[in-house]
Amino acid sequence: MHLTTKGRYAVTAMIDLAINQRNGPVTLKSISDNQGISLSYLEQLFSKMRKSDLVTGTRGPGGGYVLAKDVDQISMADIVVAVDEPLDITQCDGAQNCHDGKRCLSHDLWSELSDQLYRFLAGIRLGQLMRQSGVGQQRTDESSNSQFVNLPILESSTNVISS
């Protein structure tokens, strides 16, 4: 089991949004350009995150998205679950019918691992992740006096379990 691009892209897009909303609503086009994520894919993800009350949208000129909650109130589990990313790694999706319609011998192991995965992601807040990695902190490039924002690729940090 591993997080799919849906979960990875949702987390990356939310970090980008959190960093750039200081100047007002952020367009999906901007996130798409910054992160190399398809605009149509972002539209699907943000529709789901809007329904989960993680973001709010504004239409028209100057419109875009902003976080609906403070960065310290949004967990990685909130984001991943909002985009319908499964965090249950049992073969039966928790229905206990994975072995010929009956509960398999290792069901409790996989169920507990699913719970641990959820608790792990629920314990990491968007703000915490940004602070730990230095994301969103504006720094001055001494050679050119220009401002830039450091946004690392989350590829390796979101691979939780591979099968």
N, C-alpha and C. Protein backbone atom coordinates (compact mmCIF):
# COMPACT_ATOMS: atom_id res chain seq x y z
N MET A 1 0.84 -1.17 0.00
CA MET A 1 0.00 0.00 0.00
C MET A 1 0.88 1.23 0.00
N HIS A 2 0.50 2.23 -0.73
CA HIS A 2 1.22 3.49 -0.73
C HIS A 2 0.24 4.61 -1.03
N LEU A 3 0.60 5.81 -0.62
CA LEU A 3 -0.23 6.96 -0.98
C LEU A 3 -0.14 7.17 -2.47
N THR A 4 -1.27 7.39 -3.09
CA THR A 4 -1.29 7.62 -4.53
C THR A 4 -0.99 9.09 -4.81
N THR A 5 -0.95 9.41 -6.09
CA THR A 5 -0.71 10.81 -6.47
C THR A 5 -1.82 11.70 -5.94
N LYS A 6 -3.01 11.17 -5.77
CA LYS A 6 -4.11 11.98 -5.24
C LYS A 6 -3.74 12.56 -3.88
N GLY A 7 -3.29 11.72 -2.97
CA GLY A 7 -2.90 12.18 -1.64
C GLY A 7 -1.67 13.06 -1.67
N ARG A 8 -0.68 12.67 -2.47
CA ARG A 8 0.55 13.47 -2.57
C ARG A 8 0.27 14.85 -3.13
N TYR A 9 -0.48 14.89 -4.21
CA TYR A 9 -0.77 16.18 -4.84
C TYR A 9 -1.63 17.06 -3.94
N ALA A 10 -2.57 16.46 -3.23
CA ALA A 10 -3.42 17.25 -2.33
C ALA A 10 -2.58 17.91 -1.24
N VAL A 11 -1.67 17.16 -0.64
CA VAL A 11 -0.80 17.71 0.41
C VAL A 11 0.09 18.80 -0.17
N THR A 12 0.71 18.54 -1.31
CA THR A 12 1.59 19.52 -1.94
C THR A 12 0.83 20.80 -2.30
N ALA A 13 -0.36 20.64 -2.85
CA ALA A 13 -1.17 21.81 -3.23
C ALA A 13 -1.57 22.62 -1.99
N MET A 14 -1.87 21.93 -0.90
CA MET A 14 -2.26 22.65 0.31
C MET A 14 -1.08 23.41 0.90
N ILE A 15 0.12 22.85 0.81
CA ILE A 15 1.30 23.57 1.29
C ILE A 15 1.52 24.81 0.42
N ASP A 16 1.42 24.66 -0.89
CA ASP A 16 1.58 25.79 -1.80
C ASP A 16 0.54 26.87 -1.47
N LEU A 17 -0.70 26.46 -1.27
CA LEU A 17 -1.76 27.41 -0.93
C LEU A 17 -1.45 28.13 0.37
N ALA A 18 -1.05 27.39 1.37
CA ALA A 18 -0.74 27.99 2.68
C ALA A 18 0.38 29.02 2.57
N ILE A 19 1.37 28.73 1.77
CA ILE A 19 2.49 29.65 1.60
C ILE A 19 2.06 30.92 0.87
N ASN A 20 1.28 30.75 -0.18
CA ASN A 20 1.00 31.87 -1.07
C ASN A 20 -0.28 32.65 -0.78
N GLN A 21 -1.08 32.22 0.17
CA GLN A 21 -2.32 32.94 0.45
C GLN A 21 -2.10 34.24 1.24
N ARG A 22 -0.87 34.48 1.64
CA ARG A 22 -0.57 35.74 2.34
C ARG A 22 -0.97 36.95 1.50
N ASN A 23 -0.92 36.81 0.20
CA ASN A 23 -1.22 37.93 -0.70
C ASN A 23 -2.65 37.88 -1.22
N GLY A 24 -3.49 37.05 -0.61
CA GLY A 24 -4.87 36.92 -1.06
C GLY A 24 -5.13 35.55 -1.67
N PRO A 25 -6.33 35.37 -2.20
CA PRO A 25 -6.69 34.06 -2.78
C PRO A 25 -5.68 33.62 -3.84
N VAL A 26 -5.44 32.31 -3.87
CA VAL A 26 -4.47 31.71 -4.79
C VAL A 26 -5.24 30.95 -5.86
N THR A 27 -4.89 31.18 -7.11
CA THR A 27 -5.56 30.48 -8.20
C THR A 27 -5.00 29.07 -8.35
N LEU A 28 -5.86 28.18 -8.84
CA LEU A 28 -5.39 26.83 -9.12
C LEU A 28 -4.36 26.83 -10.24
N LYS A 29 -4.47 27.78 -11.14
CA LYS A 29 -3.48 27.93 -12.22
C LYS A 29 -2.10 28.20 -11.63
N SER A 30 -2.07 29.04 -10.60
CA SER A 30 -0.81 29.36 -9.94
C SER A 30 -0.21 28.10 -9.29
N ILE A 31 -1.04 27.35 -8.58
CA ILE A 31 -0.57 26.11 -7.94
C ILE A 31 -0.12 25.14 -9.02
N SER A 32 -0.88 25.04 -10.09
CA SER A 32 -0.54 24.15 -11.20
C SER A 32 0.83 24.50 -11.78
N ASP A 33 1.05 25.78 -12.02
CA ASP A 33 2.33 26.24 -12.55
C ASP A 33 3.47 26.00 -11.57
N ASN A 34 3.23 26.29 -10.29
CA ASN A 34 4.27 26.14 -9.27
C ASN A 34 4.67 24.69 -9.05
N GLN A 35 3.69 23.79 -9.06
CA GLN A 35 3.94 22.41 -8.65
C GLN A 35 3.92 21.39 -9.79
N GLY A 36 3.56 21.83 -10.99
CA GLY A 36 3.53 20.90 -12.11
C GLY A 36 2.41 19.88 -12.01
N ILE A 37 1.30 20.29 -11.42
CA ILE A 37 0.14 19.42 -11.28
C ILE A 37 -0.92 19.90 -12.26
N SER A 38 -1.53 18.97 -12.95
CA SER A 38 -2.55 19.30 -13.93
C SER A 38 -3.66 20.16 -13.31
N LEU A 39 -4.06 21.20 -14.04
CA LEU A 39 -5.11 22.09 -13.57
C LEU A 39 -6.42 21.33 -13.36
N SER A 40 -6.78 20.45 -14.28
CA SER A 40 -8.03 19.70 -14.14
C SER A 40 -7.98 18.77 -12.92
N TYR A 41 -6.82 18.22 -12.64
CA TYR A 41 -6.66 17.36 -11.46
C TYR A 41 -6.82 18.18 -10.18
N LEU A 42 -6.22 19.38 -10.16
CA LEU A 42 -6.36 20.27 -9.01
C LEU A 42 -7.82 20.67 -8.80
N GLU A 43 -8.55 20.90 -9.88
CA GLU A 43 -9.96 21.26 -9.76
C GLU A 43 -10.73 20.15 -9.05
N GLN A 44 -10.44 18.91 -9.40
CA GLN A 44 -11.10 17.77 -8.74
C GLN A 44 -10.73 17.70 -7.26
N LEU A 45 -9.45 17.85 -6.95
CA LEU A 45 -9.00 17.78 -5.57
C LEU A 45 -9.58 18.91 -4.73
N PHE A 46 -9.58 20.13 -5.27
CA PHE A 46 -10.07 21.27 -4.50
C PHE A 46 -11.57 21.24 -4.33
N SER A 47 -12.28 20.64 -5.26
CA SER A 47 -13.72 20.45 -5.09
C SER A 47 -13.98 19.60 -3.86
N LYS A 48 -13.22 18.53 -3.71
CA LYS A 48 -13.38 17.65 -2.56
C LYS A 48 -12.93 18.33 -1.27
N MET A 49 -11.84 19.09 -1.34
CA MET A 49 -11.36 19.77 -0.13
C MET A 49 -12.29 20.90 0.28
N ARG A 50 -12.95 21.51 -0.69
CA ARG A 50 -13.94 22.54 -0.38
C ARG A 50 -15.13 21.91 0.35
N LYS A 51 -15.58 20.75 -0.13
CA LYS A 51 -16.70 20.05 0.51
C LYS A 51 -16.34 19.59 1.92
N SER A 52 -15.08 19.38 2.19
CA SER A 52 -14.61 18.98 3.52
C SER A 52 -14.25 20.18 4.39
N ASP A 53 -14.54 21.38 3.92
CA ASP A 53 -14.29 22.62 4.66
C ASP A 53 -12.82 22.86 4.99
N LEU A 54 -11.94 22.44 4.08
CA LEU A 54 -10.53 22.73 4.26
C LEU A 54 -10.12 24.01 3.53
N VAL A 55 -10.83 24.32 2.44
CA VAL A 55 -10.56 25.53 1.67
C VAL A 55 -11.87 26.23 1.35
N THR A 56 -11.75 27.52 1.06
CA THR A 56 -12.90 28.27 0.55
C THR A 56 -12.47 28.94 -0.75
N GLY A 57 -13.42 29.06 -1.64
CA GLY A 57 -13.13 29.64 -2.94
C GLY A 57 -13.86 30.96 -3.14
N THR A 58 -13.22 31.82 -3.92
CA THR A 58 -13.79 33.10 -4.30
C THR A 58 -13.77 33.19 -5.82
N ARG A 59 -14.91 33.54 -6.41
CA ARG A 59 -15.00 33.64 -7.87
C ARG A 59 -14.66 35.05 -8.34
N GLY A 60 -14.39 35.14 -9.63
CA GLY A 60 -14.19 36.44 -10.25
C GLY A 60 -12.75 36.89 -10.23
N PRO A 61 -12.54 38.14 -10.75
CA PRO A 61 -11.19 38.70 -10.76
C PRO A 61 -10.63 38.77 -9.35
N GLY A 62 -9.41 38.34 -9.19
CA GLY A 62 -8.80 38.34 -7.87
C GLY A 62 -9.25 37.16 -7.03
N GLY A 63 -10.01 36.25 -7.64
CA GLY A 63 -10.52 35.09 -6.92
C GLY A 63 -9.50 33.98 -6.85
N GLY A 64 -9.86 32.95 -6.15
CA GLY A 64 -9.00 31.80 -5.98
C GLY A 64 -9.38 31.10 -4.70
N TYR A 65 -8.44 30.44 -4.08
CA TYR A 65 -8.68 29.68 -2.86
C TYR A 65 -7.83 30.17 -1.71
N VAL A 66 -8.37 30.05 -0.51
CA VAL A 66 -7.65 30.27 0.74
C VAL A 66 -7.99 29.12 1.67
N LEU A 67 -7.17 28.89 2.66
CA LEU A 67 -7.47 27.87 3.66
C LEU A 67 -8.68 28.29 4.46
N ALA A 68 -9.55 27.35 4.78
CA ALA A 68 -10.75 27.64 5.57
C ALA A 68 -10.45 27.61 7.07
N LYS A 69 -9.28 27.07 7.42
CA LYS A 69 -8.87 26.95 8.82
C LYS A 69 -7.42 27.39 8.93
N ASP A 70 -6.99 27.65 10.15
CA ASP A 70 -5.60 27.95 10.42
C ASP A 70 -4.74 26.74 10.07
N VAL A 71 -3.50 26.98 9.65
CA VAL A 71 -2.60 25.89 9.27
C VAL A 71 -2.37 24.89 10.40
N ASP A 72 -2.53 25.31 11.64
CA ASP A 72 -2.32 24.41 12.77
C ASP A 72 -3.58 23.64 13.14
N GLN A 73 -4.65 23.84 12.38
CA GLN A 73 -5.89 23.09 12.59
C GLN A 73 -6.13 22.06 11.48
N ILE A 74 -5.26 22.02 10.50
CA ILE A 74 -5.42 21.10 9.37
C ILE A 74 -4.35 20.02 9.44
N SER A 75 -4.79 18.78 9.59
CA SER A 75 -3.84 17.67 9.66
C SER A 75 -3.65 17.05 8.28
N MET A 76 -2.57 16.30 8.14
CA MET A 76 -2.34 15.59 6.89
C MET A 76 -3.45 14.56 6.67
N ALA A 77 -3.96 13.96 7.74
CA ALA A 77 -5.07 13.01 7.61
C ALA A 77 -6.31 13.72 7.08
N ASP A 78 -6.57 14.95 7.54
CA ASP A 78 -7.72 15.71 7.03
C ASP A 78 -7.63 15.86 5.52
N ILE A 79 -6.44 16.20 5.04
CA ILE A 79 -6.25 16.43 3.61
C ILE A 79 -6.40 15.13 2.83
N VAL A 80 -5.72 14.08 3.27
CA VAL A 80 -5.72 12.81 2.56
C VAL A 80 -7.13 12.20 2.53
N VAL A 81 -7.81 12.24 3.66
CA VAL A 81 -9.17 11.70 3.73
C VAL A 81 -10.13 12.53 2.88
N ALA A 82 -9.94 13.84 2.85
CA ALA A 82 -10.83 14.72 2.08
C ALA A 82 -10.84 14.38 0.60
N VAL A 83 -9.72 13.91 0.07
CA VAL A 83 -9.66 13.59 -1.36
C VAL A 83 -9.91 12.11 -1.62
N ASP A 84 -10.52 11.45 -0.64
CA ASP A 84 -10.93 10.04 -0.77
C ASP A 84 -9.77 9.08 -0.91
N GLU A 85 -8.66 9.41 -0.32
CA GLU A 85 -7.51 8.51 -0.32
C GLU A 85 -7.73 7.50 0.79
N PRO A 86 -7.72 6.21 0.47
CA PRO A 86 -7.97 5.22 1.51
C PRO A 86 -6.79 5.09 2.47
N LEU A 87 -7.09 5.07 3.76
CA LEU A 87 -6.06 4.86 4.76
C LEU A 87 -6.24 3.49 5.42
N ASP A 88 -7.15 2.69 4.90
CA ASP A 88 -7.38 1.35 5.40
C ASP A 88 -6.61 0.39 4.51
N ILE A 89 -5.66 -0.34 5.09
CA ILE A 89 -4.84 -1.23 4.28
C ILE A 89 -5.25 -2.70 4.40
N THR A 90 -6.40 -2.95 5.04
CA THR A 90 -6.90 -4.33 5.03
C THR A 90 -7.38 -4.65 3.63
N GLN A 91 -7.34 -5.92 3.26
CA GLN A 91 -7.81 -6.32 1.93
C GLN A 91 -9.32 -6.14 1.80
N CYS A 92 -10.01 -6.14 2.93
CA CYS A 92 -11.47 -6.13 2.91
C CYS A 92 -12.06 -4.76 3.20
N ASP A 93 -11.23 -3.73 3.26
CA ASP A 93 -11.68 -2.38 3.62
C ASP A 93 -12.42 -2.36 4.95
N GLY A 94 -11.96 -3.20 5.87
CA GLY A 94 -12.52 -3.24 7.21
C GLY A 94 -13.77 -4.09 7.36
N ALA A 95 -14.26 -4.70 6.29
CA ALA A 95 -15.51 -5.47 6.33
C ALA A 95 -15.33 -6.85 6.94
N GLN A 96 -14.11 -7.29 7.17
CA GLN A 96 -13.79 -8.57 7.77
C GLN A 96 -14.29 -9.76 6.95
N ASN A 97 -14.27 -9.62 5.63
CA ASN A 97 -14.70 -10.71 4.75
C ASN A 97 -13.62 -11.03 3.71
N CYS A 98 -12.38 -10.90 4.12
CA CYS A 98 -11.27 -10.98 3.17
C CYS A 98 -10.81 -12.40 2.84
N HIS A 99 -11.25 -13.39 3.57
CA HIS A 99 -10.83 -14.77 3.30
C HIS A 99 -12.07 -15.63 3.07
N ASP A 100 -12.44 -15.75 1.79
CA ASP A 100 -13.64 -16.51 1.42
C ASP A 100 -14.88 -16.05 2.19
N GLY A 101 -15.03 -14.75 2.30
CA GLY A 101 -16.19 -14.17 2.98
C GLY A 101 -16.06 -14.12 4.49
N LYS A 102 -14.95 -14.58 5.01
CA LYS A 102 -14.72 -14.57 6.45
C LYS A 102 -13.50 -13.72 6.76
N ARG A 103 -13.36 -13.42 8.00
CA ARG A 103 -12.23 -12.63 8.48
C ARG A 103 -10.94 -13.44 8.34
N CYS A 104 -9.90 -12.80 7.77
CA CYS A 104 -8.62 -13.49 7.61
C CYS A 104 -7.86 -13.52 8.94
N LEU A 105 -6.89 -14.39 9.02
CA LEU A 105 -6.13 -14.55 10.26
C LEU A 105 -5.32 -13.31 10.63
N SER A 106 -4.93 -12.53 9.65
CA SER A 106 -4.09 -11.36 9.93
C SER A 106 -4.88 -10.05 9.92
N HIS A 107 -6.19 -10.12 9.97
CA HIS A 107 -7.03 -8.92 9.89
C HIS A 107 -6.67 -7.89 10.98
N ASP A 108 -6.51 -8.35 12.22
CA ASP A 108 -6.21 -7.42 13.31
C ASP A 108 -4.90 -6.68 13.09
N LEU A 109 -3.91 -7.38 12.54
CA LEU A 109 -2.62 -6.74 12.25
C LEU A 109 -2.79 -5.59 11.28
N TRP A 110 -3.47 -5.84 10.15
CA TRP A 110 -3.63 -4.81 9.13
C TRP A 110 -4.57 -3.70 9.60
N SER A 111 -5.55 -4.07 10.40
CA SER A 111 -6.46 -3.07 10.94
C SER A 111 -5.73 -2.12 11.88
N GLU A 112 -4.88 -2.68 12.75
CA GLU A 112 -4.10 -1.85 13.68
C GLU A 112 -3.10 -0.98 12.91
N LEU A 113 -2.49 -1.52 11.87
CA LEU A 113 -1.57 -0.72 11.06
C LEU A 113 -2.32 0.44 10.40
N SER A 114 -3.51 0.20 9.93
CA SER A 114 -4.34 1.26 9.34
C SER A 114 -4.60 2.35 10.38
N ASP A 115 -4.93 1.93 11.60
CA ASP A 115 -5.18 2.89 12.68
C ASP A 115 -3.93 3.71 12.99
N GLN A 116 -2.77 3.03 13.02
CA GLN A 116 -1.51 3.72 13.28
C GLN A 116 -1.18 4.74 12.19
N LEU A 117 -1.43 4.35 10.95
CA LEU A 117 -1.19 5.25 9.82
C LEU A 117 -2.07 6.49 9.94
N TYR A 118 -3.34 6.29 10.25
CA TYR A 118 -4.24 7.43 10.41
C TYR A 118 -3.78 8.33 11.56
N ARG A 119 -3.45 7.72 12.70
CA ARG A 119 -3.00 8.52 13.85
C ARG A 119 -1.72 9.29 13.52
N PHE A 120 -0.81 8.65 12.78
CA PHE A 120 0.42 9.32 12.38
C PHE A 120 0.11 10.57 11.55
N LEU A 121 -0.71 10.41 10.52
CA LEU A 121 -1.06 11.55 9.66
C LEU A 121 -1.90 12.59 10.38
N ALA A 122 -2.75 12.14 11.30
CA ALA A 122 -3.57 13.08 12.07
C ALA A 122 -2.72 13.90 13.03
N GLY A 123 -1.57 13.38 13.41
CA GLY A 123 -0.69 14.09 14.33
C GLY A 123 0.22 15.11 13.68
N ILE A 124 0.19 15.20 12.36
CA ILE A 124 1.04 16.17 11.65
C ILE A 124 0.14 17.27 11.09
N ARG A 125 0.39 18.47 11.53
CA ARG A 125 -0.39 19.63 11.09
C ARG A 125 0.33 20.33 9.94
N LEU A 126 -0.45 20.95 9.08
CA LEU A 126 0.10 21.67 7.94
C LEU A 126 1.13 22.70 8.40
N GLY A 127 0.81 23.45 9.43
CA GLY A 127 1.74 24.45 9.95
C GLY A 127 3.02 23.84 10.49
N GLN A 128 2.88 22.73 11.19
CA GLN A 128 4.03 22.02 11.74
C GLN A 128 4.95 21.56 10.62
N LEU A 129 4.39 20.98 9.59
CA LEU A 129 5.18 20.50 8.45
C LEU A 129 5.93 21.67 7.79
N MET A 130 5.25 22.78 7.65
CA MET A 130 5.88 23.95 7.04
C MET A 130 7.04 24.45 7.91
N ARG A 131 6.82 24.53 9.21
CA ARG A 131 7.87 25.02 10.11
C ARG A 131 9.06 24.07 10.18
N GLN A 132 8.80 22.77 10.22
CA GLN A 132 9.89 21.78 10.33
C GLN A 132 10.79 21.80 9.11
N SER A 133 10.21 21.99 7.95
CA SER A 133 11.02 21.93 6.73
C SER A 133 11.45 23.30 6.23
N GLY A 134 11.07 24.35 6.93
CA GLY A 134 11.43 25.69 6.50
C GLY A 134 10.60 26.19 5.34
N VAL A 135 9.56 25.47 4.99
CA VAL A 135 8.69 25.87 3.88
C VAL A 135 7.93 27.11 4.26
N GLY A 136 7.87 28.03 3.33
CA GLY A 136 7.09 29.24 3.53
C GLY A 136 7.84 30.36 4.20
N GLN A 137 9.05 30.09 4.61
CA GLN A 137 9.84 31.15 5.20
C GLN A 137 10.55 31.89 4.09
N GLN A 138 10.27 33.16 3.97
CA GLN A 138 10.92 33.93 2.93
C GLN A 138 12.35 34.23 3.35
N ARG A 139 13.25 34.04 2.41
CA ARG A 139 14.66 34.32 2.67
C ARG A 139 15.18 35.20 1.54
N THR A 140 16.20 35.92 1.83
CA THR A 140 16.79 36.77 0.81
C THR A 140 17.99 36.08 0.20
N ASP A 141 18.02 36.02 -1.12
CA ASP A 141 19.18 35.50 -1.84
C ASP A 141 20.19 36.63 -1.85
N GLU A 142 21.30 36.43 -1.16
CA GLU A 142 22.27 37.51 -0.96
C GLU A 142 22.84 38.06 -2.25
N SER A 143 22.97 37.23 -3.27
CA SER A 143 23.58 37.71 -4.51
C SER A 143 22.66 38.61 -5.32
N SER A 144 21.36 38.43 -5.19
CA SER A 144 20.47 39.23 -6.02
C SER A 144 19.44 40.02 -5.22
N ASN A 145 19.42 39.85 -3.89
CA ASN A 145 18.43 40.49 -3.04
C ASN A 145 17.00 40.15 -3.44
N SER A 146 16.79 39.03 -4.12
CA SER A 146 15.43 38.64 -4.48
C SER A 146 14.86 37.70 -3.43
N GLN A 147 13.55 37.70 -3.29
CA GLN A 147 12.86 36.83 -2.35
C GLN A 147 12.49 35.53 -3.05
N PHE A 148 12.61 34.42 -2.33
CA PHE A 148 12.12 33.17 -2.89
C PHE A 148 11.54 32.32 -1.78
N VAL A 149 10.69 31.37 -2.15
CA VAL A 149 10.07 30.48 -1.20
C VAL A 149 10.57 29.08 -1.48
N ASN A 150 11.02 28.41 -0.44
CA ASN A 150 11.52 27.05 -0.55
C ASN A 150 10.36 26.08 -0.42
N LEU A 151 10.09 25.29 -1.46
CA LEU A 151 9.04 24.28 -1.40
C LEU A 151 9.60 22.97 -1.90
N PRO A 152 10.03 22.10 -0.97
CA PRO A 152 10.63 20.84 -1.40
C PRO A 152 9.59 19.89 -1.96
N ILE A 153 10.06 18.97 -2.79
CA ILE A 153 9.21 17.92 -3.32
C ILE A 153 8.87 16.96 -2.19
N LEU A 154 7.60 16.58 -2.06
CA LEU A 154 7.18 15.70 -0.98
C LEU A 154 7.18 14.24 -1.38
N GLU A 155 7.71 13.94 -2.53
CA GLU A 155 7.67 12.58 -3.08
C GLU A 155 8.11 11.53 -2.07
N SER A 156 9.31 11.65 -1.52
CA SER A 156 9.81 10.60 -0.65
C SER A 156 9.19 10.64 0.73
N SER A 157 8.76 11.79 1.21
CA SER A 157 8.20 11.85 2.55
C SER A 157 6.79 11.33 2.63
N THR A 158 6.11 11.16 1.50
CA THR A 158 4.74 10.65 1.55
C THR A 158 4.63 9.19 1.21
N ASN A 159 5.74 8.55 0.83
CA ASN A 159 5.70 7.10 0.64
C ASN A 159 5.65 6.47 2.01
N VAL A 160 4.51 5.97 2.39
CA VAL A 160 4.36 5.44 3.73
C VAL A 160 4.70 3.95 3.74
N ILE A 161 4.02 3.21 2.91
CA ILE A 161 4.24 1.76 2.85
C ILE A 161 4.14 1.35 1.40
N SER A 162 5.02 0.53 0.96
CA SER A 162 4.93 0.02 -0.41
C SER A 162 4.65 -1.46 -0.37
N SER A 163 3.87 -1.90 -1.35
CA SER A 163 3.63 -3.34 -1.43
C SER A 163 4.07 -3.87 -2.76
